[in-house]
């Protein structure tokens, strides 16, 4: 992140963590605007129009998931949750509320910066308007032609496999919960049928991953969902 034009709103009530994150991001030429309270953070997100928002879930005045839902009423800015809450249901609730990623405390600066870069790449792909193709590893997806190639050779995907890959690709770098994927691919009547996902994710990995048993790109977020990583 070499340019100083990136602005992040950081909503965190722990002063020590706030200062630590601010110093880490500013060392990468990122402008950081802080808020200790959730409502103040929402106001700053509206006025500063940041490139990304980082939010804690355990805020004094409003629950972080509620804050994300309110933010999503009027903004599609990438949101990364930074929280000490480790229960899977709390991660799922935050992601279902509209968060793009989730990092638990304690965390490493390198991982936080990598997550931020991934979200900014996803945002920039959408802003550029050049979203007709996407590559990860040796795989290329052409959304306009509805084709998938691996090592330059066509890969046959069933309609459901293709829709699932498109959902992952359109949100590359973002954690998609089981419920989100099931609703996008199968519709609202199947949101509780997680076994469908396991079966079809296995099919996709067999066809697209170099080693399906140790996937590099179609990654499981245990108990939460899936993420497509390494996409360009």
Protein backbone atom coordinates (compact mmCIF):
# COMPACT_ATOMS: atom_id res chain seq x y z
CA UNK A 1 0.00 0.00 0.00
CA UNK A 2 2.35 2.64 -1.26
CA UNK A 3 0.01 5.54 -1.91
CA UNK A 4 -1.15 7.87 0.84
CA UNK A 5 -4.60 8.29 -0.69
CA UNK A 6 -6.03 5.27 1.14
CA UNK A 7 -8.26 6.24 4.08
CA UNK A 8 -9.40 3.82 6.78
CA UNK A 9 -11.95 4.50 9.51
CA UNK A 10 -11.00 2.53 12.64
CA UNK A 11 -13.82 1.97 15.16
CA UNK A 12 -12.31 0.49 18.32
CA UNK A 13 -12.89 1.33 21.99
CA UNK A 14 -9.60 -0.14 23.27
CA UNK A 15 -7.15 2.78 23.17
CA UNK A 16 -4.02 0.60 23.11
CA UNK A 17 -5.27 -1.46 20.16
CA UNK A 18 -6.43 1.69 18.41
CA UNK A 19 -2.98 3.27 18.73
CA UNK A 20 -1.28 0.03 17.65
CA UNK A 21 -3.42 -0.37 14.53
CA UNK A 22 -3.10 3.31 13.67
CA UNK A 23 0.70 3.22 13.92
CA UNK A 24 0.87 0.01 11.86
CA UNK A 25 -1.30 1.41 9.07
CA UNK A 26 0.29 4.84 9.03
CA UNK A 27 3.69 3.17 8.58
CA UNK A 28 2.22 1.89 5.30
CA UNK A 29 1.11 5.41 4.26
CA UNK A 30 -2.52 4.77 5.13
CA UNK A 31 -4.54 7.65 6.59
CA UNK A 32 -6.38 6.48 9.72
CA UNK A 33 -9.43 8.21 11.22
CA UNK A 34 -10.27 6.90 14.70
CA UNK A 35 -13.52 6.51 16.59
CA UNK A 36 -13.97 5.12 20.10
CA UNK A 37 -17.77 4.79 19.78
CA UNK A 38 -19.83 3.12 17.10
CA UNK A 39 -22.17 6.00 16.37
CA UNK A 40 -19.22 8.35 15.97
CA UNK A 41 -17.65 5.81 13.63
CA UNK A 42 -20.79 5.70 11.48
CA UNK A 43 -20.75 9.48 11.26
CA UNK A 44 -17.09 9.48 10.23
CA UNK A 45 -17.72 6.78 7.63
CA UNK A 46 -20.42 8.99 6.12
CA UNK A 47 -18.38 12.19 6.09
CA UNK A 48 -14.89 10.86 5.25
CA UNK A 49 -16.02 8.35 2.59
CA UNK A 50 -13.16 5.94 3.49
CA UNK A 51 -11.74 3.17 1.35
CA UNK A 52 -12.22 0.65 4.17
CA UNK A 53 -13.69 0.39 7.67
CA UNK A 54 -12.24 -1.66 10.54
CA UNK A 55 -14.68 -2.28 13.38
CA UNK A 56 -14.64 -4.02 16.75
CA UNK A 57 -17.79 -5.91 17.74
CA UNK A 58 -17.74 -5.10 21.47
CA UNK A 59 -18.34 -1.35 21.36
CA UNK A 60 -19.75 0.53 24.38
CA UNK A 61 -22.71 2.16 22.62
CA UNK A 62 -23.75 -0.25 19.85
CA UNK A 63 -23.06 -3.85 18.94
CA UNK A 64 -20.64 -4.10 16.03
CA UNK A 65 -22.95 -6.33 13.98
CA UNK A 66 -25.75 -3.76 14.33
CA UNK A 67 -23.32 -1.04 13.27
CA UNK A 68 -22.41 -3.03 10.15
CA UNK A 69 -26.09 -3.53 9.27
CA UNK A 70 -26.68 0.22 9.58
CA UNK A 71 -23.62 0.96 7.47
CA UNK A 72 -24.81 -1.46 4.80
CA UNK A 73 -28.07 0.50 4.46
CA UNK A 74 -26.15 3.18 2.57
CA UNK A 75 -22.58 2.02 1.88
CA UNK A 76 -20.77 -0.87 0.21
CA UNK A 77 -17.36 0.11 1.64
CA UNK A 78 -15.27 -2.96 2.58
CA UNK A 79 -15.54 -3.83 6.29
CA UNK A 80 -13.06 -5.88 8.30
CA UNK A 81 -14.08 -6.98 11.79
CA UNK A 82 -11.32 -6.96 14.41
CA UNK A 83 -12.65 -8.66 17.52
CA UNK A 84 -11.79 -10.78 20.55
CA UNK A 85 -14.99 -12.78 19.98
CA UNK A 86 -14.00 -16.19 18.65
CA UNK A 87 -17.31 -18.09 18.63
CA UNK A 88 -18.24 -19.23 15.13
CA UNK A 89 -21.82 -18.03 15.46
CA UNK A 90 -20.59 -14.51 16.26
CA UNK A 91 -18.30 -14.52 13.23
CA UNK A 92 -21.17 -15.75 11.04
CA UNK A 93 -23.52 -13.08 12.44
CA UNK A 94 -21.04 -10.31 11.63
CA UNK A 95 -20.41 -11.63 8.13
CA UNK A 96 -24.11 -12.12 7.47
CA UNK A 97 -24.64 -8.54 8.64
CA UNK A 98 -22.39 -7.38 5.80
CA UNK A 99 -18.78 -7.61 6.97
CA UNK A 100 -16.29 -8.69 4.31
CA UNK A 101 -13.71 -10.28 6.57
CA UNK A 102 -13.06 -11.19 10.21
CA UNK A 103 -9.80 -11.17 12.16
CA UNK A 104 -9.65 -12.30 15.78
CA UNK A 105 -7.53 -10.72 18.50
CA UNK A 106 -4.66 -11.17 19.13
CA UNK A 107 -3.63 -10.64 15.52
CA UNK A 108 -0.48 -10.04 13.51
CA UNK A 109 0.13 -6.79 11.66
CA UNK A 110 1.23 -8.68 8.53
CA UNK A 111 -2.05 -10.58 8.40
CA UNK A 112 -4.13 -7.44 8.96
CA UNK A 113 -2.28 -5.65 6.15
CA UNK A 114 -2.75 -8.66 3.85
CA UNK A 115 -6.49 -8.71 4.57
CA UNK A 116 -6.71 -4.97 3.86
CA UNK A 117 -4.84 -5.35 0.57
CA UNK A 118 -7.18 -8.17 -0.48
CA UNK A 119 -10.26 -6.05 0.19
CA UNK A 120 -8.82 -3.04 -1.64
CA UNK A 121 -7.97 -5.22 -4.66
CA UNK A 122 -11.54 -6.49 -4.72
CA UNK A 123 -12.89 -2.94 -4.50
CA UNK A 124 -10.57 -1.73 -7.26
CA UNK A 125 -11.58 -4.58 -9.59
CA UNK A 126 -15.19 -3.52 -9.22
CA UNK A 127 -14.39 0.17 -9.67
CA UNK A 128 -12.31 -0.39 -12.81
CA UNK A 129 -15.23 -1.92 -14.68
CA UNK A 130 -12.87 -4.61 -16.03
CA UNK A 131 -14.52 -7.53 -14.30
CA UNK A 132 -15.00 -9.76 -17.34
CA UNK A 133 -12.16 -12.12 -16.39
CA UNK A 134 -10.54 -13.35 -13.19
CA UNK A 135 -7.49 -15.53 -12.62
CA UNK A 136 -6.29 -17.58 -9.69
CA UNK A 137 -3.43 -20.03 -9.89
CA UNK A 138 -3.60 -21.66 -13.33
CA UNK A 139 -7.37 -21.03 -13.62
CA UNK A 140 -9.00 -18.30 -15.71
CA UNK A 141 -12.71 -17.49 -15.52
CA UNK A 142 -14.30 -15.50 -18.35
CA UNK A 143 -17.64 -14.21 -17.05
CA UNK A 144 -18.72 -12.79 -20.39
CA UNK A 145 -18.10 -16.04 -22.30
CA UNK A 146 -19.09 -18.19 -19.30
CA UNK A 147 -15.95 -20.31 -19.69
CA UNK A 148 -13.40 -21.73 -17.28
CA UNK A 149 -9.89 -22.82 -18.23
CA UNK A 150 -7.13 -24.49 -16.26
CA UNK A 151 -3.61 -24.47 -17.69
CA UNK A 152 -5.15 -23.19 -20.93
CA UNK A 153 -7.49 -26.17 -21.24
CA UNK A 154 -11.29 -25.89 -20.93
CA UNK A 155 -12.84 -27.19 -17.71
CA UNK A 156 -16.41 -28.48 -17.77
CA UNK A 157 -18.44 -27.32 -14.80
CA UNK A 158 -22.06 -28.19 -14.13
CA UNK A 159 -24.45 -25.22 -13.89
CA UNK A 160 -24.41 -25.35 -10.08
CA UNK A 161 -20.62 -25.64 -9.95
CA UNK A 162 -20.32 -22.64 -12.26
CA UNK A 163 -22.75 -20.52 -10.20
CA UNK A 164 -20.85 -21.41 -7.05
CA UNK A 165 -17.52 -20.46 -8.63
CA UNK A 166 -18.99 -17.17 -9.89
CA UNK A 167 -20.22 -16.32 -6.39
CA UNK A 168 -16.77 -16.95 -4.94
CA UNK A 169 -15.07 -15.09 -7.79
CA UNK A 170 -17.31 -12.02 -7.65
CA UNK A 171 -16.44 -11.69 -3.96
CA UNK A 172 -12.81 -12.85 -4.22
CA UNK A 173 -10.95 -12.23 -0.98
CA UNK A 174 -14.14 -11.99 1.03
CA UNK A 175 -15.41 -14.63 3.44
CA UNK A 176 -18.82 -15.87 2.28
CA UNK A 177 -20.86 -17.69 4.91
CA UNK A 178 -22.62 -20.97 4.23
CA UNK A 179 -25.95 -19.13 4.29
CA UNK A 180 -24.80 -16.46 1.83
CA UNK A 181 -23.52 -19.02 -0.66
CA UNK A 182 -26.54 -21.26 -0.35
CA UNK A 183 -28.90 -18.34 -0.91
CA UNK A 184 -26.97 -17.08 -3.94
CA UNK A 185 -26.62 -20.48 -5.61
CA UNK A 186 -29.65 -22.50 -4.50
CA UNK A 187 -32.07 -19.86 -3.26
CA UNK A 188 -33.65 -19.11 0.13
CA UNK A 189 -35.25 -22.55 0.48
CA UNK A 190 -31.83 -24.21 0.86
CA UNK A 191 -30.08 -21.88 3.32
CA UNK A 192 -29.85 -24.62 5.95
CA UNK A 193 -28.49 -27.33 3.60
CA UNK A 194 -24.77 -26.95 4.25
CA UNK A 195 -24.08 -30.49 3.02
CA UNK A 196 -24.80 -29.31 -0.53
CA UNK A 197 -21.92 -26.87 -0.21
CA UNK A 198 -19.47 -29.48 1.04
CA UNK A 199 -20.28 -31.75 -1.90
CA UNK A 200 -19.98 -29.09 -4.57
CA UNK A 201 -16.92 -27.44 -3.05
CA UNK A 202 -15.29 -30.87 -3.22
CA UNK A 203 -16.21 -31.08 -6.93
CA UNK A 204 -14.77 -27.62 -7.63
CA UNK A 205 -11.54 -28.43 -5.84
CA UNK A 206 -11.16 -31.67 -7.76
CA UNK A 207 -11.48 -29.76 -11.03
CA UNK A 208 -9.60 -26.54 -10.20
CA UNK A 209 -7.08 -27.08 -7.40
CA UNK A 210 -3.59 -28.50 -7.93
CA UNK A 211 -4.02 -30.57 -4.76
CA UNK A 212 -7.72 -30.84 -3.82
CA UNK A 213 -6.82 -32.23 -0.38
CA UNK A 214 -4.79 -29.07 0.39
CA UNK A 215 -6.56 -26.30 -1.52
CA UNK A 216 -4.62 -23.09 -2.16
CA UNK A 217 -7.44 -20.98 -3.54
CA UNK A 218 -10.88 -22.32 -2.53
CA UNK A 219 -10.29 -22.10 1.20
CA UNK A 220 -12.51 -23.24 4.07
CA UNK A 221 -13.16 -20.84 6.94
CA UNK A 222 -13.95 -23.48 9.55
CA UNK A 223 -17.51 -23.32 10.81
CA UNK A 224 -18.15 -20.12 8.87
CA UNK A 225 -17.94 -20.54 5.09
CA UNK A 226 -15.50 -20.23 2.21
CA UNK A 227 -13.17 -17.72 0.59
CA UNK A 228 -11.47 -17.51 -2.82
CA UNK A 229 -7.88 -16.34 -2.31
CA UNK A 230 -5.08 -15.41 -4.69
CA UNK A 231 -7.40 -14.01 -7.37
CA UNK A 232 -6.13 -11.38 -9.83
